[in-house]
N, C-alpha and C. Protein backbone atom coordinates (compact mmCIF):
# COMPACT_ATOMS: atom_id res chain seq x y z
N MET A 1 26.56 149.07 103.05
CA MET A 1 26.40 148.52 101.19
C MET A 1 27.18 147.43 101.59
N THR A 2 27.27 146.27 100.25
CA THR A 2 27.46 145.35 100.31
C THR A 2 28.81 145.61 99.02
N THR A 3 29.93 144.95 100.06
CA THR A 3 31.31 145.39 98.95
C THR A 3 30.80 144.34 97.75
N PRO A 4 32.06 144.13 96.30
CA PRO A 4 31.78 143.30 95.77
C PRO A 4 32.38 142.08 96.17
N THR A 5 33.36 141.87 97.34
CA THR A 5 34.11 140.99 97.81
C THR A 5 32.98 140.25 98.34
N GLY A 6 32.08 140.81 99.17
CA GLY A 6 31.32 139.94 100.42
C GLY A 6 29.76 139.81 99.29
N ARG A 7 29.66 140.18 98.44
CA ARG A 7 28.75 139.67 97.00
C ARG A 7 29.87 138.51 96.80
N LEU A 8 30.72 138.02 95.70
CA LEU A 8 31.13 137.25 95.40
C LEU A 8 30.99 135.89 96.58
N ASP A 9 31.82 136.32 97.86
CA ASP A 9 32.00 135.68 99.03
C ASP A 9 30.51 134.27 99.26
N ALA A 10 29.82 135.13 98.50
CA ALA A 10 28.51 134.66 99.56
C ALA A 10 27.65 133.47 98.32
N VAL A 11 28.24 133.75 97.27
CA VAL A 11 27.58 132.31 96.23
C VAL A 11 28.43 131.33 96.52
N SER A 12 27.58 130.13 96.28
CA SER A 12 27.78 129.13 96.79
C SER A 12 27.37 128.87 95.16
N PRO A 13 28.97 127.08 94.77
CA PRO A 13 28.54 126.88 93.80
C PRO A 13 27.46 125.57 93.33
N ALA A 14 26.40 125.53 94.98
CA ALA A 14 25.60 124.78 94.84
C ALA A 14 24.59 125.30 94.27
N THR A 15 24.27 126.99 95.08
CA THR A 15 23.18 127.36 94.27
C THR A 15 23.12 128.23 92.94
N HIS A 16 24.32 128.33 92.59
CA HIS A 16 24.62 128.57 91.15
C HIS A 16 26.28 128.37 90.63
N PRO A 17 25.83 127.13 89.99
CA PRO A 17 26.40 126.40 89.63
C PRO A 17 27.83 127.02 88.48
N GLY A 18 26.90 127.91 87.90
CA GLY A 18 28.27 128.60 86.57
C GLY A 18 28.57 130.23 87.46
N ARG A 19 28.98 130.38 89.04
CA ARG A 19 29.16 131.18 89.62
C ARG A 19 30.09 131.12 90.78
N ASP A 20 30.82 130.02 90.88
CA ASP A 20 31.55 129.63 91.82
C ASP A 20 32.82 130.78 91.50
N ALA A 21 33.37 131.21 92.77
CA ALA A 21 34.36 132.33 93.30
C ALA A 21 35.27 131.69 94.06
N ALA A 22 35.72 130.62 93.29
CA ALA A 22 36.41 129.91 94.09
C ALA A 22 38.05 130.84 93.86
N GLY A 23 38.12 130.87 92.45
CA GLY A 23 39.52 132.08 92.17
C GLY A 23 39.47 133.36 93.23
N PHE A 24 38.13 134.25 92.91
CA PHE A 24 38.07 135.16 93.46
C PHE A 24 38.60 135.14 94.79
N ARG A 25 37.89 134.82 95.71
CA ARG A 25 38.48 134.19 96.65
C ARG A 25 40.45 133.63 96.41
N ALA A 26 40.45 133.10 95.81
CA ALA A 26 42.27 132.68 96.12
C ALA A 26 43.07 133.79 95.50
N ILE A 27 42.90 134.52 94.63
CA ILE A 27 43.15 135.67 94.54
C ILE A 27 43.03 136.79 95.70
N ARG A 28 42.09 137.40 96.17
CA ARG A 28 41.69 137.79 97.03
C ARG A 28 43.01 137.40 98.34
N SER A 29 42.86 136.47 98.60
CA SER A 29 43.95 135.62 99.83
C SER A 29 45.27 135.48 99.91
N ALA A 30 45.49 135.81 97.83
CA ALA A 30 47.67 135.64 97.82
C ALA A 30 47.25 137.08 98.14
N ALA A 31 46.80 138.21 97.84
CA ALA A 31 46.74 139.44 97.46
C ALA A 31 46.91 140.00 99.20
N LYS A 32 46.13 139.57 99.97
CA LYS A 32 46.44 139.43 101.16
C LYS A 32 48.00 138.97 101.42
N ASN A 33 48.14 137.54 101.75
CA ASN A 33 49.64 137.09 101.66
C ASN A 33 50.56 138.15 101.64
N VAL A 34 50.66 138.64 99.84
CA VAL A 34 51.33 140.04 99.22
C VAL A 34 51.62 141.14 100.49
N GLU A 35 50.60 141.21 101.13
CA GLU A 35 50.74 142.84 102.21
C GLU A 35 51.24 142.46 102.84
N THR A 36 50.83 141.48 103.75
CA THR A 36 51.53 140.51 104.94
C THR A 36 53.42 140.33 104.81
N ALA A 37 53.46 139.86 103.92
CA ALA A 37 54.77 139.68 103.24
C ALA A 37 55.42 141.15 104.03
N GLU A 38 55.02 141.82 102.67
CA GLU A 38 55.52 143.59 102.45
C GLU A 38 55.56 143.96 103.91
N ALA A 39 55.02 143.65 104.56
CA ALA A 39 54.85 144.94 106.54
C ALA A 39 56.37 143.84 106.57
N GLU A 40 56.20 142.50 106.54
CA GLU A 40 56.77 141.79 106.86
C GLU A 40 58.12 142.48 106.85
N LEU A 41 58.69 142.79 104.96
CA LEU A 41 59.86 142.78 104.98
C LEU A 41 60.49 144.21 105.50
N ARG A 42 59.09 145.03 105.34
CA ARG A 42 59.31 146.40 105.98
C ARG A 42 60.04 146.50 106.65
N GLN A 43 59.36 145.52 107.94
CA GLN A 43 60.00 145.18 109.25
C GLN A 43 61.29 145.37 109.36
N ALA A 44 61.18 144.38 108.83
CA ALA A 44 62.64 143.22 108.31
C ALA A 44 64.24 144.56 108.13
N VAL A 45 63.58 145.36 106.99
CA VAL A 45 64.78 145.65 107.01
C VAL A 45 64.54 146.98 107.87
N HIS A 46 64.15 147.31 109.04
CA HIS A 46 63.98 148.97 109.45
C HIS A 46 64.56 147.92 110.78
N THR A 47 64.91 146.95 110.46
CA THR A 47 65.10 146.64 112.01
C THR A 47 66.53 146.03 112.01
N ALA A 48 67.21 145.55 110.90
CA ALA A 48 68.09 145.40 110.40
C ALA A 48 69.10 146.95 110.62
N ARG A 49 68.87 148.11 109.68
CA ARG A 49 68.80 149.41 109.69
C ARG A 49 69.53 149.83 111.40
N GLU A 50 68.22 149.29 112.04
CA GLU A 50 68.31 150.02 113.68
C GLU A 50 69.71 149.12 114.14
N ALA A 51 69.89 148.16 113.02
CA ALA A 51 71.32 146.94 114.54
C ALA A 51 72.44 147.53 113.71
N GLY A 52 71.90 148.18 112.18
CA GLY A 52 73.61 148.59 112.12
C GLY A 52 73.89 148.17 110.46
N ASP A 53 72.94 147.16 109.87
CA ASP A 53 73.41 146.90 109.17
C ASP A 53 73.44 147.72 107.89
N SER A 54 74.46 147.80 106.66
CA SER A 54 74.64 148.72 105.57
C SER A 54 72.81 148.47 104.74
N TRP A 55 73.16 149.63 103.69
CA TRP A 55 71.94 149.18 102.37
C TRP A 55 72.35 147.58 101.64
N ALA A 56 74.31 147.89 101.61
CA ALA A 56 74.61 146.91 100.56
C ALA A 56 74.03 145.36 101.38
N VAL A 57 74.32 145.89 101.89
CA VAL A 57 73.91 143.67 103.06
C VAL A 57 72.35 143.75 102.96
N ILE A 58 71.53 144.55 103.26
CA ILE A 58 70.12 144.47 102.80
C ILE A 58 69.68 144.57 101.81
N GLY A 59 70.22 144.86 100.42
CA GLY A 59 70.62 144.81 99.31
C GLY A 59 70.73 143.30 99.00
N THR A 60 72.07 143.43 99.43
CA THR A 60 72.88 141.49 98.78
C THR A 60 71.38 140.37 99.15
N ALA A 61 70.89 140.92 100.41
CA ALA A 61 70.33 139.89 100.96
C ALA A 61 68.63 139.77 100.39
N LEU A 62 68.63 141.05 99.82
CA LEU A 62 66.95 139.93 98.96
C LEU A 62 67.71 140.85 97.82
N GLY A 63 68.96 140.21 97.18
CA GLY A 63 68.98 140.12 95.82
C GLY A 63 69.63 142.11 94.69
N ILE A 64 69.37 142.24 95.64
CA ILE A 64 69.28 144.08 94.79
C ILE A 64 70.13 145.10 95.02
N SER A 65 70.53 145.65 94.12
CA SER A 65 71.56 146.65 94.43
C SER A 65 71.16 147.53 96.05
N ARG A 66 73.28 148.50 96.27
CA ARG A 66 72.59 148.94 97.55
C ARG A 66 71.90 150.34 97.47
N GLN A 67 71.12 150.88 96.00
CA GLN A 67 70.49 151.70 95.63
C GLN A 67 69.26 151.23 95.86
N ALA A 68 69.01 150.78 95.24
CA ALA A 68 68.06 150.10 94.61
C ALA A 68 67.05 149.47 96.24
N ALA A 69 67.76 149.09 97.53
CA ALA A 69 67.15 149.13 98.33
C ALA A 69 67.14 150.42 99.20
N GLN A 70 67.69 151.08 99.09
CA GLN A 70 67.68 152.47 100.12
C GLN A 70 66.71 152.71 99.41
N GLN A 71 66.77 153.48 97.90
CA GLN A 71 65.66 153.70 97.39
C GLN A 71 64.10 153.21 97.68
N ARG A 72 63.99 151.87 97.52
CA ARG A 72 62.39 151.26 97.98
C ARG A 72 62.35 151.69 99.49
N PHE A 73 63.04 151.70 100.26
CA PHE A 73 62.43 151.69 101.73
C PHE A 73 62.85 152.10 102.45
N SER A 74 63.98 153.71 102.50
CA SER A 74 64.32 154.79 102.70
C SER A 74 63.15 155.52 102.96
């Protein structure tokens, strides 16, 4: 079965001038970048904790409280 993403990726502005999916593709790309960044952040926090960094240090690096950092990543 073709996914909605696959169908819109196949739309060509030349054949369907009213159906340019560039905005949709840009949103999907940005969402993927967010997912990748979140995974990198989780790994960085995990590595920092293993190295002995406190939740206060991690929270400061993220611009959030110690408690917020601990709740989000523990």
